[in-house]
Each structure stands twice: as structure tokens, then as C-alpha cells.
């Protein structure tokens, strides 16, 4: 016997899977649907998702870590008071680390305002902070004399650059896709609940079950 063509097998497989999906949707218990909807709505009422909260914590860590490194640099190079006056009051673009600290403050304010306060679901804010950070650090490394001032001339620019790009990766590949997936799940569950509400009591698997043939249909009259 010749095997079925591949097209026929694909059609049969797709038909079976579609019937199975319809059966799964209509056989869901409405109580379970309401529980799922309430769980998703509870997450929405929190105001901010868990993954977005983690992102905001990392942005805060970025600011605190750069601030800590800058304070250590101030203390190492002749005391905090003297070095602070030299780098802030007598600011020099070619030798001061104060602008790297201000760059971290800029990232913190923009990102927290955009993704914690305004709860944006777009990448334009993180693109702005990362572009500004990258351009400024590259220009400072090329034009300034930081490398002649010891280890911090390497550490602060590199750390700031890496943290800015980690924030971009985390938002673009973790925060936004996961929140979009959660929203799609909520829409699917709500749609299934609306369909189940149209059918009193929902549909069970027994309603898709074909009864066995009767004896009259099975037995054939003898010749």
C-alpha cells in the first residue's frame, strides 16, 4: 500500500491539532479561568512587574557602584576634601572623574523616570542613555589624560561603559519581552473565559464523544 503524500499527512495533522486545541479551550473549568485572570490582574495592580523591579534595582546599583568607586578615587588621590575641590570646583575635562559620576546620575534619573515612574514599554529611553554614555566615554578616553593617573583611569570608564550596556541588554531581552508575553497570556485567558461564558456550564470532553453503534446498525440481515 502506498504511503500518504506529505501534503495529505500535514493536512490531517493540522486538522487533528486544531480539533484538540478547540477541545482544550472549551473544556477548561471557568473557575480555573477566573483564578488565572485574578492572578494576572493582581500582578497588574502591583503597578510594576518583578522583572522591571529587578531592572530598576540594577540601575540603582549602577549609580551606587560608580559613586563608590569615585569616592575611593577621591580618597586615594590626596584626601576627599582636597581632591573634591580639585575635581569639582576646579573641574578639568581632561583629568577629572566628576563627569563620569554625573553620567551615572544622568542614567539613573532618566531610566528611573522612564521605566519606574512613567512605566514606559519602549526602548527609546535606554537607547538615549546608552548612546550618550558610550559617546561621552569614548571621547573622554581619547582626549583626556586619565590613563596617566593610575588604575582608576581605566576602571571608572570601563565599568561605566559595561554597566550601561548591561542595562540595555536586560531591558531589551528580558523586561520588555517578558511583560509582552504576560500581557498576551492575559488576553488569551480573558478570551477563553468569554467563550466559556457563552456556553452554560462549559463544554466537557463527553460532548465530543461519539456514542457506540447500536446492535441494529452492526448486525446485518442474513441472506
N, C-alpha and C. Protein backbone atom coordinates (compact mmCIF):
# COMPACT_ATOMS: atom_id res chain seq x y z
N UNK A 1 0.85 -1.20 0.00
CA UNK A 1 0.00 0.00 0.00
C UNK A 1 0.88 1.25 0.00
N UNK A 2 0.60 2.18 -0.87
CA UNK A 2 1.43 3.36 -0.99
C UNK A 2 1.22 4.29 0.20
N UNK A 3 2.29 4.87 0.75
CA UNK A 3 2.14 5.81 1.86
C UNK A 3 1.45 7.08 1.40
N UNK A 4 0.81 7.77 2.40
CA UNK A 4 0.14 9.02 2.07
C UNK A 4 1.15 10.07 1.68
N UNK A 5 0.82 10.94 0.76
CA UNK A 5 1.73 12.05 0.42
C UNK A 5 1.94 12.94 1.64
N UNK A 6 3.06 13.68 1.61
CA UNK A 6 3.39 14.55 2.74
C UNK A 6 2.35 15.64 2.94
N UNK A 7 1.80 16.19 1.85
CA UNK A 7 0.78 17.23 1.98
C UNK A 7 -0.45 16.71 2.70
N UNK A 8 -0.87 15.46 2.34
CA UNK A 8 -2.04 14.89 2.99
C UNK A 8 -1.78 14.66 4.47
N UNK A 9 -0.57 14.20 4.82
CA UNK A 9 -0.24 13.99 6.22
C UNK A 9 -0.25 15.30 6.99
N UNK A 10 0.27 16.37 6.38
CA UNK A 10 0.26 17.67 7.05
C UNK A 10 -1.16 18.18 7.27
N UNK A 11 -2.03 17.96 6.29
CA UNK A 11 -3.41 18.40 6.44
C UNK A 11 -4.09 17.67 7.58
N UNK A 12 -3.89 16.32 7.61
CA UNK A 12 -4.50 15.53 8.67
C UNK A 12 -3.97 15.92 10.04
N UNK A 13 -2.65 16.15 10.12
CA UNK A 13 -2.06 16.55 11.40
C UNK A 13 -2.58 17.90 11.87
N UNK A 14 -2.66 18.87 10.96
CA UNK A 14 -3.19 20.18 11.32
C UNK A 14 -4.63 20.11 11.75
N UNK A 15 -5.43 19.27 11.08
CA UNK A 15 -6.84 19.14 11.47
C UNK A 15 -6.98 18.55 12.85
N UNK A 16 -6.18 17.51 13.15
CA UNK A 16 -6.24 16.91 14.47
C UNK A 16 -5.81 17.88 15.55
N UNK A 17 -4.74 18.67 15.29
CA UNK A 17 -4.28 19.61 16.30
C UNK A 17 -5.29 20.72 16.53
N UNK A 18 -5.99 21.17 15.46
CA UNK A 18 -6.98 22.23 15.63
C UNK A 18 -8.16 21.74 16.45
N UNK A 19 -8.59 20.48 16.19
CA UNK A 19 -9.68 19.93 16.99
C UNK A 19 -9.26 19.79 18.44
N UNK A 20 -8.01 19.40 18.67
CA UNK A 20 -7.53 19.26 20.04
C UNK A 20 -7.48 20.59 20.77
N UNK A 21 -7.04 21.65 20.05
CA UNK A 21 -6.97 22.95 20.70
C UNK A 21 -8.35 23.48 21.03
N UNK A 22 -9.31 23.27 20.13
CA UNK A 22 -10.68 23.70 20.43
C UNK A 22 -11.23 22.97 21.63
N UNK A 23 -10.96 21.66 21.70
CA UNK A 23 -11.43 20.87 22.83
C UNK A 23 -10.80 21.36 24.13
N UNK A 24 -9.50 21.69 24.08
CA UNK A 24 -8.81 22.17 25.29
C UNK A 24 -9.39 23.50 25.76
N UNK A 25 -9.68 24.40 24.84
CA UNK A 25 -10.20 25.71 25.23
C UNK A 25 -11.56 25.58 25.89
N UNK A 26 -12.44 24.80 25.27
CA UNK A 26 -13.81 24.74 25.77
C UNK A 26 -13.96 23.82 26.98
N UNK A 27 -12.99 22.95 27.21
CA UNK A 27 -13.10 22.06 28.36
C UNK A 27 -12.45 22.64 29.61
N UNK A 28 -11.90 23.88 29.55
CA UNK A 28 -11.30 24.49 30.73
C UNK A 28 -12.40 24.86 31.71
N UNK A 29 -12.15 24.58 32.96
CA UNK A 29 -13.09 24.93 34.02
C UNK A 29 -13.17 26.45 34.16
N UNK A 30 -14.37 27.04 34.14
CA UNK A 30 -14.48 28.50 34.30
C UNK A 30 -13.89 29.00 35.61
N UNK A 31 -13.95 28.16 36.66
CA UNK A 31 -13.35 28.57 37.93
C UNK A 31 -11.85 28.76 37.78
N UNK A 32 -11.21 27.84 37.05
CA UNK A 32 -9.77 27.97 36.81
C UNK A 32 -9.46 29.21 35.97
N UNK A 33 -10.31 29.51 35.02
CA UNK A 33 -10.10 30.70 34.20
C UNK A 33 -10.17 31.97 35.05
N UNK A 34 -11.17 32.03 35.93
CA UNK A 34 -11.30 33.21 36.78
C UNK A 34 -10.11 33.34 37.72
N UNK A 35 -9.60 32.20 38.20
CA UNK A 35 -8.44 32.25 39.09
C UNK A 35 -7.22 32.78 38.34
N UNK A 36 -7.06 32.36 37.09
CA UNK A 36 -5.93 32.85 36.30
C UNK A 36 -6.06 34.35 36.02
N UNK A 37 -7.27 34.77 35.69
CA UNK A 37 -7.49 36.19 35.41
C UNK A 37 -7.20 37.02 36.65
N UNK A 38 -7.65 36.56 37.81
CA UNK A 38 -7.41 37.30 39.04
C UNK A 38 -5.93 37.38 39.36
N UNK A 39 -5.19 36.29 39.07
CA UNK A 39 -3.75 36.31 39.32
C UNK A 39 -3.05 37.32 38.42
N UNK A 40 -3.45 37.37 37.12
CA UNK A 40 -2.85 38.34 36.21
C UNK A 40 -3.23 39.76 36.59
N UNK A 41 -4.50 39.96 36.98
CA UNK A 41 -4.92 41.30 37.38
C UNK A 41 -4.23 41.73 38.66
N UNK A 42 -3.96 40.77 39.54
CA UNK A 42 -3.22 41.11 40.76
C UNK A 42 -1.83 41.60 40.46
N UNK A 43 -1.20 41.00 39.43
CA UNK A 43 0.13 41.47 39.03
C UNK A 43 0.06 42.88 38.46
N UNK A 44 -1.02 43.15 37.70
CA UNK A 44 -1.17 44.48 37.13
C UNK A 44 -1.38 45.53 38.23
N UNK A 45 -2.11 45.14 39.29
CA UNK A 45 -2.39 46.09 40.37
C UNK A 45 -1.14 46.43 41.16
N UNK A 46 -0.12 45.55 41.08
CA UNK A 46 1.12 45.87 41.77
C UNK A 46 1.75 47.14 41.23
N UNK A 47 1.46 47.46 39.99
CA UNK A 47 1.99 48.66 39.38
C UNK A 47 3.28 48.45 38.64
N UNK A 48 4.05 47.46 39.01
CA UNK A 48 5.33 47.21 38.36
C UNK A 48 5.63 45.73 38.45
N UNK A 49 6.09 45.16 37.37
CA UNK A 49 6.37 43.73 37.34
C UNK A 49 7.66 43.41 38.07
N UNK A 50 7.83 42.12 38.37
CA UNK A 50 9.03 41.70 39.09
C UNK A 50 10.30 41.93 38.28
N UNK A 51 10.24 41.64 36.99
CA UNK A 51 11.42 41.81 36.16
C UNK A 51 11.76 43.28 35.98
N UNK A 52 10.75 44.15 35.93
CA UNK A 52 11.01 45.59 35.84
C UNK A 52 11.59 46.12 37.15
N UNK A 53 11.11 45.57 38.26
CA UNK A 53 11.67 45.97 39.56
C UNK A 53 13.14 45.58 39.66
N UNK A 54 13.48 44.40 39.14
CA UNK A 54 14.87 43.98 39.12
C UNK A 54 15.73 44.92 38.27
N UNK A 55 15.18 45.36 37.14
CA UNK A 55 15.89 46.30 36.29
C UNK A 55 16.14 47.61 37.03
N UNK A 56 15.15 48.12 37.74
CA UNK A 56 15.31 49.37 38.48
C UNK A 56 16.34 49.22 39.60
N UNK A 57 16.37 48.05 40.22
CA UNK A 57 17.39 47.80 41.24
C UNK A 57 18.79 47.80 40.63
N UNK A 58 18.92 47.25 39.44
CA UNK A 58 20.22 47.24 38.79
C UNK A 58 20.65 48.67 38.40
N UNK A 59 19.70 49.48 37.97
CA UNK A 59 20.02 50.88 37.66
C UNK A 59 20.50 51.61 38.92
N UNK A 60 19.86 51.33 40.06
CA UNK A 60 20.31 51.91 41.33
C UNK A 60 21.70 51.41 41.70
N UNK A 61 21.93 50.12 41.46
CA UNK A 61 23.28 49.57 41.72
C UNK A 61 24.33 50.25 40.85
N UNK A 62 23.98 50.55 39.61
CA UNK A 62 24.89 51.26 38.71
C UNK A 62 25.33 52.59 39.34
N UNK A 63 24.38 53.38 39.81
CA UNK A 63 24.71 54.68 40.41
C UNK A 63 25.55 54.51 41.68
N UNK A 64 25.16 53.59 42.55
CA UNK A 64 25.88 53.42 43.82
C UNK A 64 27.29 52.89 43.60
N UNK A 65 27.44 51.99 42.64
CA UNK A 65 28.76 51.40 42.40
C UNK A 65 29.73 52.44 41.83
N UNK A 66 29.26 53.22 40.86
CA UNK A 66 30.11 54.27 40.29
C UNK A 66 30.43 55.32 41.36
N UNK A 67 29.45 55.66 42.19
CA UNK A 67 29.70 56.63 43.27
C UNK A 67 30.75 56.10 44.24
N UNK A 68 30.64 54.81 44.59
CA UNK A 68 31.63 54.21 45.50
C UNK A 68 33.04 54.26 44.91
N UNK A 69 33.16 53.92 43.64
CA UNK A 69 34.48 53.96 43.00
C UNK A 69 35.02 55.39 42.95
N UNK A 70 34.15 56.35 42.70
CA UNK A 70 34.60 57.74 42.65
C UNK A 70 35.06 58.22 44.03
N UNK A 71 34.34 57.84 45.09
CA UNK A 71 34.75 58.23 46.44
C UNK A 71 36.09 57.58 46.81
N UNK A 72 36.27 56.34 46.41
CA UNK A 72 37.56 55.68 46.66
C UNK A 72 38.68 56.41 45.93
N UNK A 73 38.41 56.82 44.69
CA UNK A 73 39.41 57.56 43.92
C UNK A 73 39.74 58.89 44.59
N UNK A 74 38.72 59.58 45.13
CA UNK A 74 38.96 60.85 45.82
C UNK A 74 39.84 60.64 47.06
N UNK A 75 39.58 59.56 47.77
CA UNK A 75 40.32 59.30 49.00
C UNK A 75 41.76 58.87 48.72
N UNK A 76 41.97 58.19 47.62
CA UNK A 76 43.31 57.70 47.29
C UNK A 76 44.22 58.83 46.83
N UNK A 77 43.68 59.76 46.07
CA UNK A 77 44.49 60.82 45.47
C UNK A 77 44.59 62.07 46.36
N UNK A 78 45.00 61.91 47.62
CA UNK A 78 45.29 63.07 48.45
C UNK A 78 44.21 63.50 49.40
N UNK A 79 43.22 62.65 49.69
CA UNK A 79 42.15 63.04 50.61
C UNK A 79 40.92 63.52 49.89
N UNK A 80 39.74 63.28 50.51
CA UNK A 80 38.48 63.58 49.85
C UNK A 80 38.30 65.08 49.65
N UNK A 81 38.58 65.90 50.68
CA UNK A 81 38.31 67.33 50.59
C UNK A 81 39.15 68.01 49.51
N UNK A 82 40.44 67.73 49.54
CA UNK A 82 41.33 68.37 48.55
C UNK A 82 41.02 67.91 47.13
N UNK A 83 40.85 66.60 46.97
CA UNK A 83 40.57 66.07 45.63
C UNK A 83 39.20 66.50 45.13
N UNK A 84 38.22 66.58 46.04
CA UNK A 84 36.88 67.01 45.64
C UNK A 84 36.90 68.45 45.15
N UNK A 85 37.66 69.31 45.82
CA UNK A 85 37.76 70.69 45.38
C UNK A 85 38.46 70.77 44.02
N UNK A 86 39.48 69.94 43.83
CA UNK A 86 40.22 69.98 42.58
C UNK A 86 39.38 69.46 41.41
N UNK A 87 38.54 68.43 41.64
CA UNK A 87 37.79 67.81 40.55
C UNK A 87 36.44 68.48 40.30
N UNK A 88 35.86 69.12 41.33
CA UNK A 88 34.54 69.72 41.17
C UNK A 88 34.64 71.23 40.98
N UNK A 89 35.25 71.90 41.95
CA UNK A 89 35.35 73.36 41.87
C UNK A 89 36.27 73.78 40.73
N UNK A 90 37.42 73.13 40.64
CA UNK A 90 38.37 73.42 39.58
C UNK A 90 38.28 72.32 38.49
N UNK A 91 37.10 72.11 38.00
CA UNK A 91 36.85 71.00 37.08
C UNK A 91 37.67 71.13 35.80
N UNK A 92 38.28 70.01 35.44
CA UNK A 92 39.05 69.93 34.20
C UNK A 92 38.62 68.67 33.45
N UNK A 93 38.11 68.84 32.25
CA UNK A 93 37.61 67.70 31.48
C UNK A 93 38.68 66.64 31.25
N UNK A 94 39.92 67.05 31.14
CA UNK A 94 40.99 66.13 30.76
C UNK A 94 41.52 65.32 31.94
N UNK A 95 41.20 65.69 33.17
CA UNK A 95 41.78 64.98 34.31
C UNK A 95 40.78 64.66 35.42
N UNK A 96 39.55 65.13 35.33
CA UNK A 96 38.58 64.93 36.41
C UNK A 96 37.70 63.71 36.14
N UNK A 97 37.32 63.03 37.25
CA UNK A 97 36.39 61.91 37.18
C UNK A 97 34.96 62.34 37.54
N UNK A 98 34.79 63.60 37.86
CA UNK A 98 33.49 64.08 38.31
C UNK A 98 32.42 63.92 37.23
N UNK A 99 32.78 64.10 35.96
CA UNK A 99 31.81 63.97 34.89
C UNK A 99 31.34 62.53 34.71
N UNK A 100 32.19 61.55 35.03
CA UNK A 100 31.76 60.15 34.96
C UNK A 100 30.70 59.87 36.03
N UNK A 101 30.88 60.47 37.21
CA UNK A 101 29.86 60.35 38.24
C UNK A 101 28.55 61.01 37.80
N UNK A 102 28.63 62.20 37.20
CA UNK A 102 27.43 62.88 36.71
C UNK A 102 26.75 62.06 35.61
N UNK A 103 27.53 61.34 34.83
CA UNK A 103 26.97 60.49 33.79
C UNK A 103 26.14 59.35 34.40
N UNK A 104 26.62 58.80 35.52
CA UNK A 104 25.85 57.77 36.22
C UNK A 104 24.56 58.35 36.80
N UNK A 105 24.63 59.57 37.32
CA UNK A 105 23.42 60.25 37.83
C UNK A 105 22.43 60.47 36.70
N UNK A 106 22.93 60.87 35.53
CA UNK A 106 22.07 61.07 34.37
C UNK A 106 21.35 59.78 33.98
N UNK A 107 22.07 58.66 33.93
CA UNK A 107 21.44 57.38 33.59
C UNK A 107 20.38 57.01 34.62
N UNK A 108 20.70 57.20 35.88
CA UNK A 108 19.77 56.83 36.94
C UNK A 108 18.47 57.64 36.83
N UNK A 109 18.56 58.94 36.69
CA UNK A 109 17.37 59.80 36.65
C UNK A 109 16.50 59.49 35.44
N UNK A 110 17.12 59.35 34.27
CA UNK A 110 16.34 59.11 33.05
C UNK A 110 15.67 57.75 33.09
N UNK A 111 16.40 56.72 33.49
CA UNK A 111 15.85 55.37 33.46
C UNK A 111 14.79 55.15 34.54
N UNK A 112 15.02 55.67 35.73
CA UNK A 112 14.01 55.53 36.78
C UNK A 112 12.75 56.31 36.44
N UNK A 113 12.92 57.51 35.89
CA UNK A 113 11.75 58.30 35.49
C UNK A 113 10.98 57.61 34.37
N UNK A 114 11.70 57.03 33.41
CA UNK A 114 11.04 56.44 32.25
C UNK A 114 10.40 55.09 32.58
N UNK A 115 11.13 54.21 33.29
CA UNK A 115 10.67 52.83 33.44
C UNK A 115 10.11 52.49 34.81
N UNK A 116 10.27 53.37 35.80
CA UNK A 116 9.66 53.14 37.12
C UNK A 116 8.49 54.08 37.36
N UNK A 117 8.67 55.35 37.03
CA UNK A 117 7.60 56.33 37.27
C UNK A 117 6.59 56.32 36.12
N UNK A 118 7.09 56.49 34.89
CA UNK A 118 6.19 56.52 33.72
C UNK A 118 5.86 55.13 33.19
N UNK A 119 6.63 54.13 33.56
CA UNK A 119 6.41 52.73 33.15
C UNK A 119 6.32 52.57 31.63
N UNK A 120 7.29 53.13 30.95
CA UNK A 120 7.34 53.01 29.50
C UNK A 120 7.57 51.56 29.09
N UNK A 121 7.06 51.24 27.90
CA UNK A 121 7.28 49.91 27.32
C UNK A 121 7.97 50.04 25.97
N UNK A 122 8.91 50.94 25.93
CA UNK A 122 9.67 51.18 24.69
C UNK A 122 11.13 51.36 25.05
N UNK A 123 11.98 51.17 24.06
CA UNK A 123 13.42 51.17 24.31
C UNK A 123 14.08 52.52 24.09
N UNK A 124 13.33 53.57 23.76
CA UNK A 124 13.97 54.82 23.36
C UNK A 124 14.75 55.46 24.51
N UNK A 125 14.27 55.33 25.75
CA UNK A 125 14.97 55.96 26.88
C UNK A 125 16.32 55.29 27.14
N UNK A 126 16.33 53.96 27.14
CA UNK A 126 17.59 53.24 27.36
C UNK A 126 18.53 53.45 26.18
N UNK A 127 17.99 53.61 24.99
CA UNK A 127 18.84 53.90 23.83
C UNK A 127 19.51 55.26 23.97
N UNK A 128 18.77 56.23 24.49
CA UNK A 128 19.32 57.57 24.70
C UNK A 128 20.46 57.55 25.73
N UNK A 129 20.22 56.93 26.88
CA UNK A 129 21.25 56.91 27.93
C UNK A 129 22.49 56.13 27.49
N UNK A 130 22.29 55.02 26.80
CA UNK A 130 23.43 54.22 26.36
C UNK A 130 24.23 54.94 25.27
N UNK A 131 23.55 55.62 24.36
CA UNK A 131 24.24 56.35 23.31
C UNK A 131 25.04 57.52 23.89
N UNK A 132 24.43 58.26 24.81
CA UNK A 132 25.14 59.39 25.43
C UNK A 132 26.34 58.90 26.24
N UNK A 133 26.14 57.82 27.00
CA UNK A 133 27.23 57.27 27.81
C UNK A 133 28.38 56.79 26.93
N UNK A 134 28.06 56.04 25.89
CA UNK A 134 29.09 55.49 25.02
C UNK A 134 29.87 56.61 24.32
N UNK A 135 29.16 57.60 23.77
CA UNK A 135 29.83 58.69 23.06
C UNK A 135 30.71 59.51 24.00
N UNK A 136 30.19 59.82 25.18
CA UNK A 136 30.97 60.63 26.12
C UNK A 136 32.22 59.89 26.60
N UNK A 137 32.06 58.62 26.95
CA UNK A 137 33.21 57.86 27.46
C UNK A 137 34.27 57.66 26.39
N UNK A 138 33.85 57.39 25.17
CA UNK A 138 34.82 57.23 24.08
C UNK A 138 35.59 58.53 23.85
N UNK A 139 34.88 59.65 23.84
CA UNK A 139 35.56 60.94 23.66
C UNK A 139 36.50 61.24 24.81
N UNK A 140 36.08 60.93 26.03
CA UNK A 140 36.92 61.23 27.19
C UNK A 140 38.17 60.36 27.20
N UNK A 141 38.02 59.10 26.84
CA UNK A 141 39.17 58.21 26.82
C UNK A 141 40.18 58.65 25.76
N UNK A 142 39.68 59.12 24.62
CA UNK A 142 40.58 59.53 23.54
C UNK A 142 41.27 60.86 23.84
N UNK A 143 40.51 61.82 24.39
CA UNK A 143 41.03 63.17 24.56
C UNK A 143 41.67 63.44 25.91
N UNK A 144 41.24 62.75 26.96
CA UNK A 144 41.70 63.09 28.31
C UNK A 144 43.03 62.42 28.63
N UNK A 145 43.50 62.67 29.85
CA UNK A 145 44.76 62.11 30.34
C UNK A 145 44.52 61.18 31.53
N UNK A 146 43.40 60.45 31.49
CA UNK A 146 43.05 59.60 32.63
C UNK A 146 44.01 58.43 32.80
N UNK A 147 44.52 57.91 31.71
CA UNK A 147 45.37 56.73 31.80
C UNK A 147 46.69 57.00 32.53
N UNK A 148 47.05 58.27 32.61
CA UNK A 148 48.29 58.61 33.30
C UNK A 148 48.08 58.80 34.81
N UNK A 149 46.84 58.60 35.30
CA UNK A 149 46.53 58.85 36.71
C UNK A 149 46.35 57.57 37.52
N UNK A 150 46.78 56.46 36.99
CA UNK A 150 46.71 55.22 37.75
C UNK A 150 45.58 54.32 37.30
N UNK A 151 45.24 53.36 38.18
CA UNK A 151 44.28 52.32 37.82
C UNK A 151 42.87 52.86 37.61
N UNK A 152 42.50 53.90 38.35
CA UNK A 152 41.15 54.43 38.21
C UNK A 152 40.91 55.07 36.85
N UNK A 153 41.96 55.45 36.16
CA UNK A 153 41.81 55.96 34.80
C UNK A 153 41.30 54.90 33.85
N UNK A 154 41.50 53.63 34.19
CA UNK A 154 40.98 52.53 33.39
C UNK A 154 39.65 52.01 33.95
N UNK A 155 39.57 51.91 35.28
CA UNK A 155 38.44 51.23 35.92
C UNK A 155 37.13 51.99 35.74
N UNK A 156 37.10 53.28 36.06
CA UNK A 156 35.85 54.03 36.01
C UNK A 156 35.22 54.10 34.61
N UNK A 157 35.96 54.43 33.57
CA UNK A 157 35.34 54.44 32.23
C UNK A 157 34.86 53.07 31.79
N UNK A 158 35.66 52.04 32.05
CA UNK A 158 35.28 50.70 31.61
C UNK A 158 34.05 50.21 32.35
N UNK A 159 34.01 50.40 33.68
CA UNK A 159 32.86 49.97 34.47
C UNK A 159 31.59 50.70 34.03
N UNK A 160 31.68 52.00 33.82
CA UNK A 160 30.51 52.77 33.38
C UNK A 160 30.01 52.29 32.02
N UNK A 161 30.92 52.03 31.12
CA UNK A 161 30.55 51.54 29.79
C UNK A 161 29.86 50.19 29.86
N UNK A 162 30.41 49.27 30.65
CA UNK A 162 29.84 47.93 30.76
C UNK A 162 28.47 47.96 31.41
N UNK A 163 28.32 48.72 32.49
CA UNK A 163 27.03 48.79 33.18
C UNK A 163 25.94 49.37 32.28
N UNK A 164 26.28 50.36 31.49
CA UNK A 164 25.28 50.95 30.59
C UNK A 164 24.79 49.94 29.57
N UNK A 165 25.68 49.13 29.02
CA UNK A 165 25.27 48.14 28.02
C UNK A 165 24.58 46.94 28.64
N UNK A 166 24.91 46.60 29.88
CA UNK A 166 24.17 45.53 30.58
C UNK A 166 22.72 45.97 30.81
N UNK A 167 22.52 47.22 31.17
CA UNK A 167 21.16 47.74 31.34
C UNK A 167 20.37 47.66 30.03
N UNK A 168 21.03 48.00 28.94
CA UNK A 168 20.36 47.92 27.63
C UNK A 168 19.97 46.49 27.29
N UNK A 169 20.90 45.57 27.50
CA UNK A 169 20.60 44.16 27.21
C UNK A 169 19.47 43.64 28.09
N UNK A 170 19.49 43.97 29.37
CA UNK A 170 18.50 43.45 30.30
C UNK A 170 17.10 43.96 29.96
N UNK A 171 16.99 45.23 29.61
CA UNK A 171 15.68 45.78 29.26
C UNK A 171 15.17 45.21 27.94
N UNK A 172 16.03 45.13 26.94
CA UNK A 172 15.60 44.75 25.60
C UNK A 172 15.33 43.25 25.48
N UNK A 173 16.06 42.43 26.23
CA UNK A 173 15.93 40.98 26.09
C UNK A 173 15.21 40.30 27.25
N UNK A 174 14.97 41.02 28.33
CA UNK A 174 14.33 40.42 29.50
C UNK A 174 13.03 41.14 29.87
N UNK A 175 13.12 42.44 30.13
CA UNK A 175 11.98 43.17 30.68
C UNK A 175 10.85 43.28 29.65
N UNK A 176 11.12 43.88 28.51
CA UNK A 176 10.07 44.12 27.53
C UNK A 176 9.47 42.83 26.95
N UNK A 177 10.28 41.82 26.55
CA UNK A 177 9.66 40.58 26.05
C UNK A 177 8.84 39.84 27.10
N UNK A 178 9.31 39.80 28.33
CA UNK A 178 8.56 39.07 29.36
C UNK A 178 7.25 39.76 29.68
N UNK A 179 7.24 41.09 29.75
CA UNK A 179 5.99 41.80 30.01
C UNK A 179 5.02 41.65 28.84
N UNK A 180 5.52 41.65 27.62
CA UNK A 180 4.65 41.43 26.46
C UNK A 180 4.05 40.03 26.48
N UNK A 181 4.84 39.05 26.89
CA UNK A 181 4.33 37.68 26.99
C UNK A 181 3.26 37.56 28.06
N UNK A 182 3.46 38.22 29.20
CA UNK A 182 2.44 38.20 30.25
C UNK A 182 1.14 38.86 29.78
N UNK A 183 1.26 39.93 29.03
CA UNK A 183 0.06 40.60 28.52
C UNK A 183 -0.67 39.72 27.52
N UNK A 184 0.05 39.01 26.66
CA UNK A 184 -0.58 38.10 25.71
C UNK A 184 -1.28 36.95 26.43
N UNK A 185 -0.67 36.43 27.49
CA UNK A 185 -1.31 35.37 28.26
C UNK A 185 -2.62 35.85 28.87
N UNK A 186 -2.62 37.07 29.39
CA UNK A 186 -3.84 37.62 29.98
C UNK A 186 -4.93 37.75 28.93
N UNK A 187 -4.58 38.21 27.73
CA UNK A 187 -5.58 38.35 26.66
C UNK A 187 -6.13 36.99 26.25
N UNK A 188 -5.27 35.97 26.19
CA UNK A 188 -5.73 34.63 25.81
C UNK A 188 -6.67 34.06 26.85
N UNK A 189 -6.33 34.23 28.12
CA UNK A 189 -7.17 33.71 29.19
C UNK A 189 -8.51 34.44 29.22
N UNK A 190 -8.50 35.76 29.04
CA UNK A 190 -9.75 36.51 29.02
C UNK A 190 -10.62 36.10 27.85
N UNK A 191 -10.01 35.86 26.68
CA UNK A 191 -10.77 35.43 25.52
C UNK A 191 -11.38 34.06 25.76
N UNK A 192 -10.62 33.16 26.37
CA UNK A 192 -11.15 31.82 26.66
C UNK A 192 -12.29 31.89 27.67
N UNK A 193 -12.18 32.79 28.65
CA UNK A 193 -13.24 32.91 29.65
C UNK A 193 -14.51 33.47 29.02
N UNK A 194 -14.37 34.41 28.07
CA UNK A 194 -15.54 34.95 27.40
C UNK A 194 -16.23 33.88 26.56
N UNK A 195 -15.44 33.03 25.91
CA UNK A 195 -16.04 31.94 25.13
C UNK A 195 -16.73 30.94 26.03
N UNK A 196 -16.11 30.64 27.16
CA UNK A 196 -16.73 29.68 28.09
C UNK A 196 -18.01 30.24 28.70
N UNK A 197 -18.08 31.58 28.88
CA UNK A 197 -19.28 32.18 29.46
C UNK A 197 -20.47 32.09 28.51
N UNK A 198 -20.22 32.02 27.20
CA UNK A 198 -21.31 31.91 26.24
C UNK A 198 -21.99 30.56 26.28
N UNK A 199 -21.30 29.55 26.79
CA UNK A 199 -21.85 28.19 26.85
C UNK A 199 -22.13 27.86 28.30
N UNK A 200 -23.38 27.70 28.71
CA UNK A 200 -23.70 27.43 30.12
C UNK A 200 -23.02 26.15 30.59
N UNK A 201 -22.26 26.28 31.66
CA UNK A 201 -21.58 25.11 32.23
C UNK A 201 -20.36 24.69 31.48
N UNK A 202 -20.04 25.37 30.37
CA UNK A 202 -18.87 24.99 29.59
C UNK A 202 -19.09 23.71 28.85
N UNK A 203 -18.16 23.29 28.09
CA UNK A 203 -18.20 22.05 27.35
C UNK A 203 -17.26 21.05 27.97
N UNK A 204 -17.67 19.85 28.04
CA UNK A 204 -16.85 18.79 28.59
C UNK A 204 -16.39 17.88 27.48
N UNK A 205 -15.46 16.99 27.82
CA UNK A 205 -14.95 16.06 26.81
C UNK A 205 -16.03 15.10 26.36
N UNK A 206 -17.02 14.83 27.22
CA UNK A 206 -18.08 13.90 26.85
C UNK A 206 -18.93 14.39 25.71
N UNK A 207 -18.99 15.72 25.54
CA UNK A 207 -19.80 16.25 24.46
C UNK A 207 -19.12 16.06 23.12
N UNK A 208 -17.86 15.76 23.10
CA UNK A 208 -17.15 15.47 21.85
C UNK A 208 -17.06 13.96 21.61
N UNK A 209 -17.69 13.17 22.50
CA UNK A 209 -17.56 11.71 22.41
C UNK A 209 -18.70 11.16 21.57
N UNK A 210 -18.39 10.36 20.60
CA UNK A 210 -19.41 9.75 19.75
C UNK A 210 -19.92 8.48 20.41
N UNK A 211 -21.24 8.30 20.53
CA UNK A 211 -21.78 7.08 21.17
C UNK A 211 -21.49 5.86 20.32
N UNK A 212 -21.40 4.71 20.96
CA UNK A 212 -21.14 3.47 20.19
C UNK A 212 -22.32 3.12 19.30
N UNK A 213 -22.04 2.39 18.26
CA UNK A 213 -23.09 2.00 17.33
C UNK A 213 -24.00 0.97 17.99
N UNK A 214 -25.25 1.05 17.64
CA UNK A 214 -26.21 0.10 18.19
C UNK A 214 -26.08 -1.25 17.52
N UNK A 215 -26.70 -2.27 18.14
CA UNK A 215 -26.61 -3.62 17.58
C UNK A 215 -27.32 -3.71 16.25
N UNK A 216 -28.38 -2.89 16.11
CA UNK A 216 -29.13 -2.95 14.84
C UNK A 216 -28.31 -2.47 13.68
N UNK A 217 -27.39 -1.48 14.00
CA UNK A 217 -26.55 -0.98 12.92
C UNK A 217 -25.40 -1.93 12.61
N UNK A 218 -25.00 -2.68 13.64
CA UNK A 218 -23.86 -3.57 13.45
C UNK A 218 -24.26 -4.84 12.75
N UNK A 219 -25.40 -5.46 13.23
CA UNK A 219 -25.82 -6.73 12.66
C UNK A 219 -26.39 -6.55 11.26
N UNK A 220 -26.03 -7.40 10.38
CA UNK A 220 -26.55 -7.36 9.02
C UNK A 220 -27.60 -8.49 8.83
N UNK A 221 -28.62 -8.24 8.09
CA UNK A 221 -29.62 -9.31 7.87
C UNK A 221 -29.01 -10.47 7.11
N UNK A 222 -29.35 -11.66 7.58
CA UNK A 222 -28.80 -12.88 6.94
C UNK A 222 -29.50 -13.11 5.61
N UNK A 223 -28.76 -13.58 4.64
CA UNK A 223 -29.32 -13.78 3.31
C UNK A 223 -30.14 -15.07 3.25
